[in-house]
Amino acid sequence: MKRGTTSLQVQTEYAPRPYPRVTTTVLNSGQVIQKLERKLEHAVESLEEQRPIEAAIQQQHGEVLALIEKGAPVEKGGLVEYKPHESAPHSMYDQLTSVVGLQRLYRLGADGTFVSNNASKQFKKTFATVFKDLQQVIDIFPLMPGEKGVRKKGVCEIEHDRLYFMSDGSECYFVAVQPTDDKIDYETTLKQFLVDSD
């Protein structure tokens, strides 16, 4: 979406770890500029609980878009300036939002299911051929024997300079990029996130 001459990307997703939350991230050229996070009382554990969370995701996403469109000053409880704390450990998702040229980040559990239906629909629409063979792609990094819900770590280029698949062990990500003028080796960059997280 546009705000003046600036083109912004807005993503809203549910995450169960490290605590259940719905997070909206506003990015400018792949850089996180603002973030709104609402903590949830407990993680989604059934299909019945999933529906209200999806509604909350859509509502929060709409509220943030409305705030951006208005250009209104940030109010308490509304959109908050995101300032990373150097001492606080960042989730892999937070780290990946800093990738230059990031277009969209899709988060999946170790079982290969998207954390939100919206993300799944968007991915299917944008990357239909990859979605068709989704399980084969996810199995590039197999589940570790004897460890429940943990996959082998790694990064794989799916579409050259456009889509990468990554596993940090407990979660998986599809990283969709739109390369900038800077020549970036995305595969190496993403692998470095895994090295830094060890």
C-alpha atoms as a PDB file:
ATOM      1  CA  MET A   1       0.000   0.000   0.000  1.00  0.00           C
ATOM      2  CA  LYS A   2       1.092   3.600  -0.527  1.00  0.00           C
ATOM      3  CA  ARG A   3       1.547   6.265   2.102  1.00  0.00           C
ATOM      4  CA  GLY A   4       2.479   9.408   0.192  1.00  0.00           C
ATOM      5  CA  THR A   5       5.339   8.356  -2.060  1.00  0.00           C
ATOM      6  CA  THR A   6       6.357   5.496   0.247  1.00  0.00           C
ATOM      7  CA  SER A   7       5.335   1.949  -0.619  1.00  0.00           C
ATOM      8  CA  LEU A   8       4.675  -0.102   2.510  1.00  0.00           C
ATOM      9  CA  GLN A   9       4.066  -3.822   3.065  1.00  0.00           C
ATOM     10  CA  VAL A  10       1.729  -4.870   5.874  1.00  0.00           C
ATOM     11  CA  GLN A  11       1.632  -8.456   7.213  1.00  0.00           C
ATOM     12  CA  THR A  12      -0.553  -9.814  10.013  1.00  0.00           C
ATOM     13  CA  GLU A  13      -0.033 -13.326  11.361  1.00  0.00           C
ATOM     14  CA  TYR A  14      -0.698 -15.542  14.346  1.00  0.00           C
ATOM     15  CA  ALA A  15       2.215 -17.204  16.121  1.00  0.00           C
ATOM     16  CA  PRO A  16       2.064 -19.683  19.019  1.00  0.00           C
ATOM     17  CA  ARG A  17       5.699 -19.244  20.138  1.00  0.00           C
ATOM     18  CA  PRO A  18       7.394 -17.956  22.217  1.00  0.00           C
ATOM     19  CA  TYR A  19       3.901 -16.949  23.412  1.00  0.00           C
ATOM     20  CA  PRO A  20       0.548 -16.862  21.535  1.00  0.00           C
ATOM     21  CA  ARG A  21       0.069 -13.557  19.726  1.00  0.00           C
ATOM     22  CA  VAL A  22      -1.255 -11.779  16.632  1.00  0.00           C
ATOM     23  CA  THR A  23       1.403  -9.529  15.138  1.00  0.00           C
ATOM     24  CA  THR A  24       1.108  -6.924  12.420  1.00  0.00           C
ATOM     25  CA  THR A  25       4.392  -5.844  10.882  1.00  0.00           C
ATOM     26  CA  VAL A  26       4.762  -2.771   8.662  1.00  0.00           C
ATOM     27  CA  LEU A  27       7.752  -2.887   6.339  1.00  0.00           C
ATOM     28  CA  ASN A  28       9.355  -0.349   4.042  1.00  0.00           C
ATOM     29  CA  SER A  29      11.672  -1.998   1.486  1.00  0.00           C
ATOM     30  CA  GLY A  30      11.949  -5.065   3.699  1.00  0.00           C
ATOM     31  CA  GLN A  31      12.848  -3.067   6.811  1.00  0.00           C
ATOM     32  CA  VAL A  32      10.540  -3.258   9.842  1.00  0.00           C
ATOM     33  CA  ILE A  33       9.359   0.245  10.671  1.00  0.00           C
ATOM     34  CA  GLN A  34       6.394  -0.449  12.930  1.00  0.00           C
ATOM     35  CA  LYS A  35       4.890  -3.388  14.730  1.00  0.00           C
ATOM     36  CA  LEU A  36       1.666  -4.039  16.625  1.00  0.00           C
ATOM     37  CA  GLU A  37       1.429  -7.119  18.801  1.00  0.00           C
ATOM     38  CA  ARG A  38      -1.553  -8.408  20.755  1.00  0.00           C
ATOM     39  CA  LYS A  39      -0.908 -11.213  23.206  1.00  0.00           C
ATOM     40  CA  LEU A  40      -3.482 -13.994  23.391  1.00  0.00           C
ATOM     41  CA  GLU A  41      -4.484 -15.887  26.512  1.00  0.00           C
ATOM     42  CA  HIS A  42      -3.597 -19.268  25.029  1.00  0.00           C
ATOM     43  CA  ALA A  43      -2.496 -20.930  21.819  1.00  0.00           C
ATOM     44  CA  VAL A  44      -4.994 -22.190  19.239  1.00  0.00           C
ATOM     45  CA  GLU A  45      -5.666 -25.842  19.985  1.00  0.00           C
ATOM     46  CA  SER A  46      -8.684 -26.689  17.841  1.00  0.00           C
ATOM     47  CA  LEU A  47     -10.516 -25.745  14.644  1.00  0.00           C
ATOM     48  CA  GLU A  48     -13.198 -24.028  16.729  1.00  0.00           C
ATOM     49  CA  GLU A  49     -10.564 -21.754  18.281  1.00  0.00           C
ATOM     50  CA  GLN A  50      -9.004 -21.057  14.882  1.00  0.00           C
ATOM     51  CA  ARG A  51     -12.015 -19.168  13.484  1.00  0.00           C
ATOM     52  CA  PRO A  52     -12.036 -16.319  16.041  1.00  0.00           C
ATOM     53  CA  ILE A  53      -8.259 -15.969  15.667  1.00  0.00           C
ATOM     54  CA  GLU A  54      -8.635 -15.613  11.898  1.00  0.00           C
ATOM     55  CA  ALA A  55     -11.281 -12.941  12.505  1.00  0.00           C
ATOM     56  CA  ALA A  56      -8.915 -11.187  14.951  1.00  0.00           C
ATOM     57  CA  ILE A  57      -6.124 -11.296  12.347  1.00  0.00           C
ATOM     58  CA  GLN A  58      -8.369  -9.713   9.706  1.00  0.00           C
ATOM     59  CA  GLN A  59      -9.659  -7.092  12.150  1.00  0.00           C
ATOM     60  CA  GLN A  60      -6.182  -6.124  13.352  1.00  0.00           C
ATOM     61  CA  HIS A  61      -4.864  -6.015   9.780  1.00  0.00           C
ATOM     62  CA  GLY A  62      -7.756  -3.730   8.776  1.00  0.00           C
ATOM     63  CA  GLU A  63      -7.198  -1.448  11.778  1.00  0.00           C
ATOM     64  CA  VAL A  64      -3.515  -1.028  10.944  1.00  0.00           C
ATOM     65  CA  LEU A  65      -4.275  -0.322   7.261  1.00  0.00           C
ATOM     66  CA  ALA A  66      -6.829   2.296   8.354  1.00  0.00           C
ATOM     67  CA  LEU A  67      -4.274   3.945  10.664  1.00  0.00           C
ATOM     68  CA  ILE A  68      -1.714   4.076   7.872  1.00  0.00           C
ATOM     69  CA  GLU A  69      -4.227   5.463   5.367  1.00  0.00           C
ATOM     70  CA  LYS A  70      -5.286   8.194   7.810  1.00  0.00           C
ATOM     71  CA  GLY A  71      -1.688   9.098   8.541  1.00  0.00           C
ATOM     72  CA  ALA A  72      -2.962   9.676  12.064  1.00  0.00           C
ATOM     73  CA  PRO A  73      -0.590  10.060  15.006  1.00  0.00           C
ATOM     74  CA  VAL A  74       0.109   6.834  16.819  1.00  0.00           C
ATOM     75  CA  GLU A  75      -2.209   6.362  19.786  1.00  0.00           C
ATOM     76  CA  LYS A  76      -1.662   4.214  22.863  1.00  0.00           C
ATOM     77  CA  GLY A  77      -2.910   0.736  22.087  1.00  0.00           C
ATOM     78  CA  GLY A  78      -2.663   1.436  18.372  1.00  0.00           C
ATOM     79  CA  LEU A  79       0.301   1.135  16.083  1.00  0.00           C
ATOM     80  CA  VAL A  80       3.557   1.262  18.002  1.00  0.00           C
ATOM     81  CA  GLU A  81       7.020   2.192  16.813  1.00  0.00           C
ATOM     82  CA  TYR A  82       9.159  -0.915  16.602  1.00  0.00           C
ATOM     83  CA  LYS A  83      12.573  -0.497  18.172  1.00  0.00           C
ATOM     84  CA  PRO A  84      14.473  -3.733  18.521  1.00  0.00           C
ATOM     85  CA  HIS A  85      16.174  -4.204  21.874  1.00  0.00           C
ATOM     86  CA  GLU A  86      19.689  -5.466  21.352  1.00  0.00           C
ATOM     87  CA  SER A  87      19.555  -7.549  24.530  1.00  0.00           C
ATOM     88  CA  ALA A  88      16.240  -9.231  23.712  1.00  0.00           C
ATOM     89  CA  PRO A  89      16.463 -12.401  21.637  1.00  0.00           C
ATOM     90  CA  HIS A  90      14.610 -11.975  18.344  1.00  0.00           C
ATOM     91  CA  SER A  91      12.564 -14.740  16.867  1.00  0.00           C
ATOM     92  CA  MET A  92      13.685 -16.021  13.493  1.00  0.00           C
ATOM     93  CA  TYR A  93      10.556 -14.417  12.017  1.00  0.00           C
ATOM     94  CA  ASP A  94      11.589 -11.001  13.387  1.00  0.00           C
ATOM     95  CA  GLN A  95      15.100 -11.442  12.009  1.00  0.00           C
ATOM     96  CA  LEU A  96      13.837 -12.441   8.572  1.00  0.00           C
ATOM     97  CA  THR A  97      11.704  -9.297   8.326  1.00  0.00           C
ATOM     98  CA  SER A  98      14.973  -7.342   8.046  1.00  0.00           C
ATOM     99  CA  VAL A  99      15.951  -8.985   4.727  1.00  0.00           C
ATOM    100  CA  VAL A 100      16.498  -6.318   2.073  1.00  0.00           C
ATOM    101  CA  GLY A 101      14.044  -6.783  -0.788  1.00  0.00           C
ATOM    102  CA  LEU A 102      11.661  -8.921   1.287  1.00  0.00           C
ATOM    103  CA  GLN A 103       8.297  -9.059  -0.430  1.00  0.00           C
ATOM    104  CA  ARG A 104       6.466 -11.514   1.803  1.00  0.00           C
ATOM    105  CA  LEU A 105       7.275 -13.928   4.585  1.00  0.00           C
ATOM    106  CA  TYR A 106       5.173 -17.070   5.001  1.00  0.00           C
ATOM    107  CA  ARG A 107       5.503 -18.944   8.307  1.00  0.00           C
ATOM    108  CA  LEU A 108       4.773 -22.664   8.700  1.00  0.00           C
ATOM    109  CA  GLY A 109       4.958 -25.038  11.629  1.00  0.00           C
ATOM    110  CA  ALA A 110       7.452 -27.914  11.573  1.00  0.00           C
ATOM    111  CA  ASP A 111       4.567 -30.114  10.360  1.00  0.00           C
ATOM    112  CA  GLY A 112       4.387 -27.999   7.197  1.00  0.00           C
ATOM    113  CA  THR A 113       1.068 -26.255   7.841  1.00  0.00           C
ATOM    114  CA  PHE A 114       0.796 -22.491   7.396  1.00  0.00           C
ATOM    115  CA  VAL A 115       0.223 -20.622  10.672  1.00  0.00           C
ATOM    116  CA  SER A 116      -2.706 -18.743   9.134  1.00  0.00           C
ATOM    117  CA  ASN A 117      -5.282 -19.531   6.478  1.00  0.00           C
ATOM    118  CA  ASN A 118      -4.713 -16.097   4.936  1.00  0.00           C
ATOM    119  CA  ALA A 119      -1.023 -16.880   4.417  1.00  0.00           C
ATOM    120  CA  SER A 120      -1.905 -20.265   2.917  1.00  0.00           C
ATOM    121  CA  LYS A 121      -4.403 -18.711   0.463  1.00  0.00           C
ATOM    122  CA  GLN A 122      -1.982 -15.944  -0.506  1.00  0.00           C
ATOM    123  CA  PHE A 123       0.855 -18.407  -1.062  1.00  0.00           C
ATOM    124  CA  LYS A 124      -1.361 -20.718  -3.145  1.00  0.00           C
ATOM    125  CA  LYS A 125      -2.442 -17.764  -5.291  1.00  0.00           C
ATOM    126  CA  THR A 126       1.106 -16.414  -5.799  1.00  0.00           C
ATOM    127  CA  PHE A 127       3.062 -19.682  -6.016  1.00  0.00           C
ATOM    128  CA  ALA A 128       0.493 -22.186  -7.333  1.00  0.00           C
ATOM    129  CA  THR A 129       3.009 -24.676  -8.765  1.00  0.00           C
ATOM    130  CA  VAL A 130       5.043 -24.751  -5.535  1.00  0.00           C
ATOM    131  CA  PHE A 131       1.853 -25.095  -3.467  1.00  0.00           C
ATOM    132  CA  LYS A 132       0.855 -28.111  -5.569  1.00  0.00           C
ATOM    133  CA  ASP A 133       4.066 -29.896  -4.521  1.00  0.00           C
ATOM    134  CA  LEU A 134       4.196 -28.355  -1.053  1.00  0.00           C
ATOM    135  CA  GLN A 135       4.894 -31.568   0.876  1.00  0.00           C
ATOM    136  CA  GLN A 136       7.819 -32.442  -1.405  1.00  0.00           C
ATOM    137  CA  VAL A 137       9.336 -28.992  -0.814  1.00  0.00           C
ATOM    138  CA  ILE A 138       8.848 -29.198   2.960  1.00  0.00           C
ATOM    139  CA  ASP A 139      10.433 -32.654   3.029  1.00  0.00           C
ATOM    140  CA  ILE A 140      13.671 -31.190   1.603  1.00  0.00           C
ATOM    141  CA  PHE A 141      14.442 -30.717   5.295  1.00  0.00           C
ATOM    142  CA  PRO A 142      13.127 -33.953   6.877  1.00  0.00           C
ATOM    143  CA  LEU A 143      11.803 -34.368  10.397  1.00  0.00           C
ATOM    144  CA  MET A 144      14.591 -35.356  12.772  1.00  0.00           C
ATOM    145  CA  PRO A 145      14.251 -38.919  14.072  1.00  0.00           C
ATOM    146  CA  GLY A 146      13.479 -39.126  17.775  1.00  0.00           C
ATOM    147  CA  GLU A 147      12.668 -35.412  18.059  1.00  0.00           C
ATOM    148  CA  LYS A 148       8.997 -34.490  17.848  1.00  0.00           C
ATOM    149  CA  GLY A 149       8.247 -31.449  15.692  1.00  0.00           C
ATOM    150  CA  VAL A 150      11.868 -30.696  14.757  1.00  0.00           C
ATOM    151  CA  ARG A 151      13.162 -30.589  11.169  1.00  0.00           C
ATOM    152  CA  LYS A 152      16.661 -30.517   9.784  1.00  0.00           C
ATOM    153  CA  LYS A 153      17.844 -26.896   9.444  1.00  0.00           C
ATOM    154  CA  GLY A 154      18.664 -25.430   6.063  1.00  0.00           C
ATOM    155  CA  VAL A 155      17.915 -23.060   3.191  1.00  0.00           C
ATOM    156  CA  CYS A 156      16.916 -23.970  -0.362  1.00  0.00           C
ATOM    157  CA  GLU A 157      16.324 -21.730  -3.374  1.00  0.00           C
ATOM    158  CA  ILE A 158      12.953 -22.656  -4.913  1.00  0.00           C
ATOM    159  CA  GLU A 159      12.711 -19.949  -7.609  1.00  0.00           C
ATOM    160  CA  HIS A 160      15.858 -18.007  -8.506  1.00  0.00           C
ATOM    161  CA  ASP A 161      16.004 -14.619  -6.747  1.00  0.00           C
ATOM    162  CA  ARG A 162      12.293 -14.908  -5.964  1.00  0.00           C
ATOM    163  CA  LEU A 163      11.429 -17.656  -3.464  1.00  0.00           C
ATOM    164  CA  TYR A 164      13.429 -19.481  -0.807  1.00  0.00           C
ATOM    165  CA  PHE A 165      12.424 -22.214   1.634  1.00  0.00           C
ATOM    166  CA  MET A 166      14.038 -22.277   5.055  1.00  0.00           C
ATOM    167  CA  SER A 167      13.839 -24.429   8.178  1.00  0.00           C
ATOM    168  CA  ASP A 168      15.157 -23.256  11.545  1.00  0.00           C
ATOM    169  CA  GLY A 169      14.275 -26.611  13.108  1.00  0.00           C
ATOM    170  CA  SER A 170      11.065 -25.719  14.928  1.00  0.00           C
ATOM    171  CA  GLU A 171       9.484 -23.622  12.167  1.00  0.00           C
ATOM    172  CA  CYS A 172       9.690 -23.270   8.385  1.00  0.00           C
ATOM    173  CA  TYR A 173       9.483 -20.185   6.195  1.00  0.00           C
ATOM    174  CA  PHE A 174       8.934 -19.315   2.575  1.00  0.00           C
ATOM    175  CA  VAL A 175      10.840 -16.100   1.955  1.00  0.00           C
ATOM    176  CA  ALA A 176       9.577 -14.250  -1.130  1.00  0.00           C
ATOM    177  CA  VAL A 177      11.907 -11.516  -2.340  1.00  0.00           C
ATOM    178  CA  GLN A 178      12.050  -8.852  -5.004  1.00  0.00           C
ATOM    179  CA  PRO A 179      15.732  -8.121  -5.537  1.00  0.00           C
ATOM    180  CA  THR A 180      16.849  -4.512  -5.249  1.00  0.00           C
ATOM    181  CA  ASP A 181      19.673  -2.857  -7.173  1.00  0.00           C
ATOM    182  CA  ASP A 182      22.088  -4.268  -4.601  1.00  0.00           C
ATOM    183  CA  LYS A 183      23.360  -7.679  -5.647  1.00  0.00           C
ATOM    184  CA  ILE A 184      22.337  -9.880  -2.711  1.00  0.00           C
ATOM    185  CA  ASP A 185      23.075 -13.569  -2.406  1.00  0.00           C
ATOM    186  CA  TYR A 186      19.828 -14.429  -0.636  1.00  0.00           C
ATOM    187  CA  GLU A 187      20.688 -18.071   0.000  1.00  0.00           C
ATOM    188  CA  THR A 188      23.915 -17.085   1.812  1.00  0.00           C
ATOM    189  CA  THR A 189      22.118 -14.308   3.723  1.00  0.00           C
ATOM    190  CA  LEU A 190      19.405 -16.680   4.946  1.00  0.00           C
ATOM    191  CA  LYS A 191      21.955 -19.349   5.906  1.00  0.00           C
ATOM    192  CA  GLN A 192      23.722 -16.728   8.020  1.00  0.00           C
ATOM    193  CA  PHE A 193      20.519 -16.268  10.082  1.00  0.00           C
ATOM    194  CA  LEU A 194      20.659 -19.976  10.912  1.00  0.00           C
ATOM    195  CA  VAL A 195      24.344 -19.762  11.886  1.00  0.00           C
ATOM    196  CA  ASP A 196      23.651 -16.711  14.086  1.00  0.00           C
ATOM    197  CA  SER A 197      20.747 -18.482  15.832  1.00  0.00           C
ATOM    198  CA  ASP A 198      22.876 -21.490  16.885  1.00  0.00           C
END
